[in-house]
Amino acid sequence: MSIEPQLERIIPSAVLLDGIDWIIQGGESGPKKRPFKTFWAHIMKEICAQSGIPYFFKQIDKVQEIPEDLMIRQFPIY
């Protein structure tokens, strides 16, 4: 499942990941990019860890450096 560009917070209790093999998450890039809040990524990272789903954080906005704790590049095993 691709969550990019993520433009608002996702409520953890509303997330159903049945049948999802991989989450890719990131913010929007480009001259009119809208803001991405890194706490959104921390929430999804934790949901994936609890669910045993590989998580890949792609970008904040291609300008801001990704914090070290979000440099996660997990891939599904097929």
Protein backbone atom coordinates (compact mmCIF):
# COMPACT_ATOMS: atom_id res chain seq x y z
CA MET A 1 0.00 0.00 0.00
CA SER A 2 1.36 3.39 -0.95
CA ILE A 3 0.64 6.29 1.38
CA GLU A 4 2.19 9.06 -0.66
CA PRO A 5 1.83 11.84 -0.71
CA GLN A 6 0.34 11.70 2.76
CA LEU A 7 -1.44 14.99 3.36
CA GLU A 8 -3.02 14.48 6.77
CA ARG A 9 -2.87 12.34 9.89
CA ILE A 10 -4.12 8.76 9.76
CA ILE A 11 -6.03 7.62 12.84
CA PRO A 12 -4.32 4.38 14.01
CA SER A 13 -7.59 2.78 15.16
CA ALA A 14 -9.02 3.28 11.65
CA VAL A 15 -6.16 1.43 9.92
CA LEU A 16 -7.04 -2.06 8.65
CA LEU A 17 -4.03 -3.81 7.17
CA ASP A 18 -5.48 -7.25 6.43
CA GLY A 19 -3.94 -8.51 3.19
CA ILE A 20 -1.35 -5.69 3.04
CA ASP A 21 2.19 -6.95 2.36
CA TRP A 22 4.12 -3.67 2.40
CA ILE A 23 3.66 0.00 3.32
CA ILE A 24 5.47 2.80 1.49
CA GLN A 25 4.97 6.22 3.03
CA GLY A 26 6.11 9.71 2.18
CA GLY A 27 5.37 13.36 1.76
CA GLU A 28 4.78 15.47 -1.31
CA SER A 29 7.54 17.07 -3.37
CA GLY A 30 7.59 19.92 -5.86
CA PRO A 31 7.25 23.69 -5.71
CA LYS A 32 3.71 23.63 -4.26
CA LYS A 33 4.30 20.77 -1.84
CA ARG A 34 2.09 20.57 1.20
CA PRO A 35 3.64 19.88 4.61
CA PHE A 36 4.33 16.39 5.92
CA LYS A 37 4.59 15.88 9.67
CA THR A 38 7.20 13.31 10.71
CA PHE A 39 5.04 12.14 13.63
CA TRP A 40 2.71 10.69 10.97
CA ALA A 41 5.60 8.46 9.89
CA HIS A 42 6.38 7.44 13.47
CA ILE A 43 2.75 6.37 13.91
CA MET A 44 2.73 4.28 10.72
CA LYS A 45 6.17 2.82 11.51
CA GLU A 46 4.82 1.59 14.86
CA ILE A 47 1.61 0.20 13.30
CA CYS A 48 3.71 -1.74 10.78
CA ALA A 49 6.06 -3.05 13.47
CA GLN A 50 3.12 -4.28 15.57
CA SER A 51 1.50 -5.88 12.50
CA GLY A 52 4.69 -7.46 11.12
CA ILE A 53 4.40 -5.51 7.85
CA PRO A 54 7.57 -4.26 6.10
CA TYR A 55 7.77 -0.46 6.14
CA PHE A 56 9.57 1.83 3.70
CA PHE A 57 9.81 5.57 4.38
CA LYS A 58 10.43 7.32 1.08
CA GLN A 59 10.77 11.06 1.73
CA ILE A 60 9.54 14.07 3.64
CA ASP A 61 9.59 16.42 0.65
CA LYS A 62 12.87 15.74 -1.25
CA VAL A 63 14.37 18.82 0.45
CA GLN A 64 14.37 17.97 4.15
CA GLU A 65 16.74 15.26 5.23
CA ILE A 66 15.08 12.12 6.58
CA PRO A 67 15.71 11.72 10.31
CA GLU A 68 17.89 8.70 11.12
CA ASP A 69 15.09 6.93 13.00
CA LEU A 70 12.95 7.06 9.83
CA MET A 71 15.63 5.82 7.43
CA ILE A 72 13.74 2.58 7.09
CA ARG A 73 13.95 0.64 3.85
CA GLN A 74 12.27 -2.69 4.55
CA PHE A 75 11.08 -4.91 1.70
CA PRO A 76 8.54 -7.73 1.63
CA ILE A 77 9.82 -11.28 1.30
CA TYR A 78 8.15 -13.26 -1.45
